[in-house]
N, C-alpha and C. Protein backbone atom coordinates (compact mmCIF):
# COMPACT_ATOMS: atom_id res chain seq x y z
N UNK A 1 74.80 126.88 194.82
CA UNK A 1 76.39 125.98 195.09
C UNK A 1 75.80 124.79 195.32
N UNK A 2 76.57 123.95 194.24
CA UNK A 2 76.41 122.29 194.05
C UNK A 2 77.71 121.81 194.02
N UNK A 3 78.15 120.56 194.90
CA UNK A 3 78.83 120.16 195.29
C UNK A 3 79.10 118.78 193.79
N UNK A 4 80.03 118.87 192.59
CA UNK A 4 80.14 118.07 191.70
C UNK A 4 81.28 117.49 191.34
N UNK A 5 81.43 116.08 191.79
CA UNK A 5 82.81 115.91 191.47
C UNK A 5 84.17 116.44 191.86
N UNK A 6 83.87 116.70 193.52
CA UNK A 6 85.19 117.23 193.96
C UNK A 6 85.38 118.77 193.23
N UNK A 7 84.91 119.41 192.86
CA UNK A 7 84.24 121.02 192.42
C UNK A 7 83.03 121.42 192.44
N UNK A 8 83.27 122.45 193.49
CA UNK A 8 82.03 123.51 193.34
C UNK A 8 81.82 124.50 192.57
N UNK A 9 80.15 124.14 192.14
CA UNK A 9 79.77 124.83 190.94
C UNK A 9 78.22 125.22 191.09
N UNK A 10 77.89 126.57 190.33
CA UNK A 10 76.82 127.16 190.47
C UNK A 10 76.21 127.30 189.02
N UNK A 11 74.82 128.10 189.11
CA UNK A 11 74.46 127.72 187.87
C UNK A 11 74.90 128.70 186.55
N UNK A 12 76.02 129.53 187.42
CA UNK A 12 76.44 130.27 186.36
C UNK A 12 77.82 129.55 185.97
N UNK A 13 78.07 128.51 186.27
CA UNK A 13 79.72 127.99 186.38
C UNK A 13 80.06 127.70 187.70
N UNK A 14 81.92 127.91 187.75
CA UNK A 14 82.54 127.59 188.43
C UNK A 14 82.19 128.47 189.92
N UNK A 15 81.54 128.32 191.21
CA UNK A 15 81.77 128.98 192.34
C UNK A 15 82.84 129.75 192.66
N UNK A 16 82.97 131.20 193.51
CA UNK A 16 84.43 131.74 193.19
C UNK A 16 85.28 131.13 193.71
N UNK A 17 84.82 130.09 194.94
CA UNK A 17 86.33 129.86 195.56
C UNK A 17 86.53 128.50 194.55
N UNK A 18 86.21 128.17 193.28
CA UNK A 18 87.03 126.64 193.00
C UNK A 18 88.08 127.32 192.52
N UNK A 19 89.14 127.87 192.00
CA UNK A 19 90.29 128.49 191.30
C UNK A 19 90.96 127.87 192.33
N UNK A 20 90.99 128.23 194.08
CA UNK A 20 91.80 128.08 195.13
C UNK A 20 91.73 126.39 195.47
N UNK A 21 89.55 125.78 195.43
CA UNK A 21 90.32 124.53 195.28
C UNK A 21 90.43 123.60 194.51
N UNK A 22 90.56 124.22 193.21
CA UNK A 22 91.35 123.56 192.28
C UNK A 22 93.08 123.39 192.43
N UNK A 23 93.67 124.46 192.80
CA UNK A 23 94.92 124.13 192.92
C UNK A 23 95.12 123.32 194.14
N UNK A 24 94.37 122.87 195.09
CA UNK A 24 94.55 122.19 196.22
C UNK A 24 93.98 121.09 195.71
N UNK A 25 93.17 120.80 194.67
CA UNK A 25 93.34 119.10 194.12
C UNK A 25 94.24 118.63 193.19
N UNK A 26 94.55 119.95 192.59
CA UNK A 26 95.75 119.53 191.64
C UNK A 26 97.39 119.09 192.39
N UNK A 27 97.18 119.40 193.52
CA UNK A 27 98.15 119.27 194.35
C UNK A 27 98.12 118.10 195.45
N UNK A 28 97.52 117.18 195.50
CA UNK A 28 96.75 116.70 196.31
C UNK A 28 97.49 115.01 196.13
N UNK A 29 97.77 115.08 195.44
CA UNK A 29 99.38 113.68 194.95
C UNK A 29 100.43 114.43 194.60
N UNK A 30 101.68 114.05 195.97
CA UNK A 30 102.79 114.41 196.10
C UNK A 30 103.58 113.80 195.74
N UNK A 31 104.06 112.16 195.47
CA UNK A 31 104.61 111.40 194.72
C UNK A 31 103.91 110.61 193.55
N UNK A 32 105.09 110.29 192.67
CA UNK A 32 104.60 109.27 192.27
C UNK A 32 106.00 108.14 191.99
N UNK A 33 105.11 106.92 192.14
CA UNK A 33 106.11 105.67 192.40
C UNK A 33 105.85 104.69 190.80
N UNK A 34 106.21 104.37 190.11
CA UNK A 34 105.97 104.15 188.87
C UNK A 34 106.86 102.66 188.09
N UNK A 35 106.22 101.75 188.09
CA UNK A 35 107.22 100.48 187.51
C UNK A 35 108.34 100.89 186.34
N UNK A 36 109.26 100.15 185.62
CA UNK A 36 110.09 100.77 184.89
C UNK A 36 109.63 99.64 183.42
N UNK A 37 109.47 98.48 183.30
CA UNK A 37 108.81 97.35 182.61
C UNK A 37 107.15 97.63 182.34
N UNK A 38 107.18 97.69 181.22
CA UNK A 38 105.44 97.78 180.85
C UNK A 38 104.61 98.73 181.74
N UNK A 39 105.35 99.69 182.46
CA UNK A 39 104.71 100.82 182.48
C UNK A 39 105.27 102.34 182.28
N UNK A 40 106.33 102.36 182.45
CA UNK A 40 107.10 103.72 181.83
C UNK A 40 107.90 103.39 180.39
N UNK A 41 108.35 102.06 180.70
CA UNK A 41 108.94 101.25 179.49
C UNK A 41 108.01 100.50 179.01
N UNK A 42 108.73 100.48 177.26
CA UNK A 42 108.16 99.28 176.55
C UNK A 42 108.77 98.83 175.90
N UNK A 43 108.86 97.42 175.56
CA UNK A 43 110.21 97.00 174.81
C UNK A 43 111.43 97.73 175.74
N UNK A 44 111.85 97.88 176.86
CA UNK A 44 112.76 98.05 177.37
C UNK A 44 113.19 99.65 176.81
N UNK A 45 112.67 99.95 176.25
CA UNK A 45 113.01 101.82 176.32
C UNK A 45 111.64 102.85 176.60
N UNK A 46 112.05 103.99 177.27
CA UNK A 46 110.89 104.77 177.42
C UNK A 46 110.46 105.91 176.28
N UNK A 47 109.51 106.35 176.19
CA UNK A 47 109.05 106.80 175.20
C UNK A 47 109.55 108.58 175.13
N UNK A 48 109.76 108.68 174.16
CA UNK A 48 109.93 110.64 174.29
C UNK A 48 109.00 111.46 174.99
N UNK A 49 107.60 110.80 174.83
CA UNK A 49 106.33 111.83 175.06
C UNK A 49 106.19 111.28 176.60
N UNK A 50 106.65 109.69 177.19
CA UNK A 50 106.45 109.68 178.30
C UNK A 50 107.49 110.28 179.25
N UNK A 51 108.97 110.55 178.83
CA UNK A 51 109.67 111.11 179.62
C UNK A 51 109.42 112.79 179.75
N UNK A 52 108.97 113.69 178.79
CA UNK A 52 108.44 114.74 178.60
C UNK A 52 107.37 114.64 179.69
N UNK A 53 106.32 113.82 179.79
CA UNK A 53 105.50 113.50 180.92
C UNK A 53 105.81 113.81 182.31
N UNK A 54 107.18 112.72 182.34
CA UNK A 54 107.28 112.86 183.73
C UNK A 54 108.29 113.82 184.39
N UNK A 55 108.77 115.25 183.12
CA UNK A 55 109.38 116.03 183.32
C UNK A 55 108.34 117.65 183.85
N UNK A 56 107.56 117.02 183.38
CA UNK A 56 106.28 117.90 183.72
C UNK A 56 105.96 117.64 185.29
N UNK A 57 105.65 117.17 185.20
CA UNK A 57 105.53 116.01 186.97
C UNK A 57 106.19 116.80 187.80
N UNK A 58 107.70 116.24 187.47
CA UNK A 58 108.49 116.70 188.58
C UNK A 58 108.55 118.24 188.50
N UNK A 59 108.72 118.86 187.72
CA UNK A 59 108.97 120.27 187.58
C UNK A 59 107.50 121.07 188.56
N UNK A 60 106.28 120.16 188.61
CA UNK A 60 105.24 120.74 189.43
C UNK A 60 105.74 121.11 191.29
N UNK A 61 106.61 119.86 191.14
CA UNK A 61 106.57 120.25 192.90
C UNK A 61 106.61 118.59 192.90
N UNK A 62 106.14 117.76 192.32
CA UNK A 62 106.12 116.41 192.54
C UNK A 62 107.58 115.38 192.88
N UNK A 63 107.27 114.17 193.56
CA UNK A 63 108.78 113.53 193.69
C UNK A 63 108.26 112.34 193.13
N UNK A 64 108.76 112.06 192.10
CA UNK A 64 109.21 110.87 191.20
C UNK A 64 109.88 109.52 192.03
N UNK A 65 109.24 108.31 191.59
CA UNK A 65 110.48 107.24 192.32
C UNK A 65 110.16 106.24 191.45
N UNK A 66 111.42 105.76 190.80
CA UNK A 66 110.98 104.55 189.84
C UNK A 66 111.70 103.22 190.92
N UNK A 67 110.37 102.49 190.67
CA UNK A 67 110.75 100.83 191.03
C UNK A 67 110.94 100.00 190.32
N UNK A 68 111.92 98.85 190.45
CA UNK A 68 112.08 98.18 189.74
C UNK A 68 113.36 97.09 189.71
N UNK A 69 112.72 95.96 189.17
CA UNK A 69 113.35 94.61 189.75
C UNK A 69 114.93 94.70 188.79
N UNK A 70 115.20 95.63 187.51
CA UNK A 70 116.32 95.32 186.93
C UNK A 70 117.40 95.64 187.87
N UNK A 71 118.53 95.14 187.22
CA UNK A 71 119.58 95.72 188.26
C UNK A 71 120.35 96.74 187.89
N UNK A 72 120.77 97.66 188.57
CA UNK A 72 120.98 98.90 188.25
C UNK A 72 121.84 99.23 186.82
N UNK A 73 123.04 98.33 187.07
CA UNK A 73 124.26 98.92 186.03
C UNK A 73 123.37 98.79 184.52
N UNK A 74 122.59 98.06 184.45
CA UNK A 74 121.67 97.08 183.36
C UNK A 74 120.63 98.48 182.95
N UNK A 75 120.19 99.20 184.35
CA UNK A 75 118.93 100.26 183.97
C UNK A 75 119.58 101.36 183.41
N UNK A 76 120.59 102.04 184.16
CA UNK A 76 121.26 102.68 183.65
C UNK A 76 121.95 103.31 182.47
N UNK A 77 122.32 101.53 181.82
CA UNK A 77 122.97 101.20 180.33
C UNK A 77 121.44 101.47 179.53
N UNK A 78 120.15 101.42 179.84
CA UNK A 78 118.91 101.77 179.10
C UNK A 78 118.27 102.95 179.23
N UNK A 79 118.34 103.51 179.90
CA UNK A 79 117.71 104.60 180.56
C UNK A 79 118.21 105.72 180.76
N UNK A 80 118.94 106.58 179.64
CA UNK A 80 119.62 108.04 179.79
C UNK A 80 118.71 109.15 180.86
N UNK A 81 117.87 108.92 180.69
CA UNK A 81 116.13 109.98 181.35
C UNK A 81 115.92 109.63 183.09
N UNK A 82 116.93 109.16 183.73
CA UNK A 82 116.76 108.06 184.61
C UNK A 82 116.73 109.74 185.71
N UNK A 83 117.34 110.33 185.24
CA UNK A 83 117.79 111.81 186.29
C UNK A 83 116.30 112.38 186.94
N UNK A 84 115.27 112.10 185.78
CA UNK A 84 113.69 112.94 186.28
C UNK A 84 113.56 111.99 187.71
N UNK A 85 114.14 111.52 187.97
CA UNK A 85 113.83 110.42 189.01
C UNK A 85 114.18 111.24 190.01
N UNK A 86 113.65 111.01 191.44
CA UNK A 86 114.58 111.63 192.85
C UNK A 86 115.22 110.41 193.66
N UNK A 87 114.50 109.24 193.11
CA UNK A 87 114.99 108.03 194.02
C UNK A 87 114.52 106.89 192.91
N UNK A 88 115.47 105.84 193.05
CA UNK A 88 115.64 104.70 192.31
C UNK A 88 115.17 103.46 193.25
N UNK A 89 114.41 102.23 193.24
CA UNK A 89 114.81 100.97 193.94
C UNK A 89 114.77 100.18 193.09
N UNK A 90 115.63 99.33 192.87
CA UNK A 90 115.87 98.72 191.92
C UNK A 90 116.02 97.09 192.34
N UNK A 91 116.38 96.40 191.57
CA UNK A 91 117.10 94.92 192.12
C UNK A 91 116.05 94.56 192.61
N UNK A 92 114.72 94.48 192.44
CA UNK A 92 113.53 94.24 193.73
C UNK A 92 113.71 94.59 194.74
N UNK A 93 113.38 95.66 195.25
CA UNK A 93 114.11 96.25 196.60
C UNK A 93 115.49 96.23 196.86
N UNK A 94 116.34 95.65 196.62
CA UNK A 94 117.73 95.34 197.21
C UNK A 94 118.83 96.39 197.33
N UNK A 95 118.01 97.67 196.56
CA UNK A 95 119.13 99.08 196.69
C UNK A 95 118.26 99.83 196.23
N UNK A 96 119.12 100.90 197.09
CA UNK A 96 118.18 102.39 196.67
C UNK A 96 119.26 103.44 195.67
N UNK A 97 118.95 104.13 195.22
CA UNK A 97 119.91 104.99 193.88
C UNK A 97 118.84 106.30 193.65
N UNK A 98 120.18 107.30 194.43
CA UNK A 98 119.63 108.66 194.04
C UNK A 98 120.21 109.41 192.79
N UNK A 99 120.00 109.42 192.11
CA UNK A 99 120.29 109.48 190.45
C UNK A 99 121.33 111.13 190.63
N UNK A 100 120.45 111.87 191.28
CA UNK A 100 121.50 113.52 191.70
C UNK A 100 122.27 113.54 191.84
N UNK A 101 122.80 112.31 193.09
CA UNK A 101 123.85 112.58 193.70
C UNK A 101 125.07 111.49 193.22
N UNK A 102 123.85 110.07 192.75
CA UNK A 102 124.45 109.11 192.37
C UNK A 102 124.92 108.02 193.33
N UNK A 103 124.29 108.34 194.54
CA UNK A 103 124.62 107.67 195.69
C UNK A 103 123.71 106.22 195.78
N UNK A 104 124.21 105.14 196.22
CA UNK A 104 123.98 103.87 196.09
C UNK A 104 124.02 103.60 197.65
N UNK A 105 122.39 102.46 197.87
CA UNK A 105 122.62 102.33 199.28
C UNK A 105 121.98 100.76 199.10
N UNK A 106 122.81 99.91 199.82
CA UNK A 106 122.47 98.30 199.42
C UNK A 106 121.41 98.18 200.78
N UNK A 107 120.54 97.45 200.71
CA UNK A 107 119.64 97.36 201.21
C UNK A 107 119.45 95.23 201.98
N UNK A 108 120.49 94.42 200.76
CA UNK A 108 120.53 93.75 201.55
C UNK A 108 121.28 92.73 200.39
N UNK A 109 122.07 91.85 201.15
CA UNK A 109 123.10 91.33 200.53
C UNK A 109 122.40 90.92 199.04
N UNK A 110 123.45 90.76 197.68
CA UNK A 110 123.11 90.23 196.55
C UNK A 110 122.70 88.74 196.65
N UNK A 111 121.90 88.14 195.76
CA UNK A 111 122.02 86.89 195.96
C UNK A 111 123.26 86.19 195.26
N UNK A 112 123.13 85.14 195.90
CA UNK A 112 124.31 83.76 195.52
C UNK A 112 123.81 83.99 194.29
N UNK A 113 125.19 83.47 193.31
CA UNK A 113 125.42 83.19 192.01
C UNK A 113 125.22 81.30 191.53
N UNK A 114 124.14 80.71 191.58
CA UNK A 114 124.51 79.48 191.60
C UNK A 114 123.80 78.37 190.54
């Protein structure tokens, strides 16, 4: 058997232990943290195909974390699919939001309106 790119192969194809190894590799990443604007959203909106991919990732047992500089109220107004995320870090790290429970935790005082 030969080790090639993280998968054991032999002359006949995948080595017998490869399916177990492939499952282990597939679950290597436990969470995805992604920005909103310019990453999952373009022109302020999340494409249905992107949302579907995020849903598949969530169903696989991984945690999804959205990180954004947007204010929470604004984000909730433009992204109805926010519930796919386990946690939202919003307002440039100023607050945490759990979509399933709608719990909000302020991490600092909001900036002064000058």
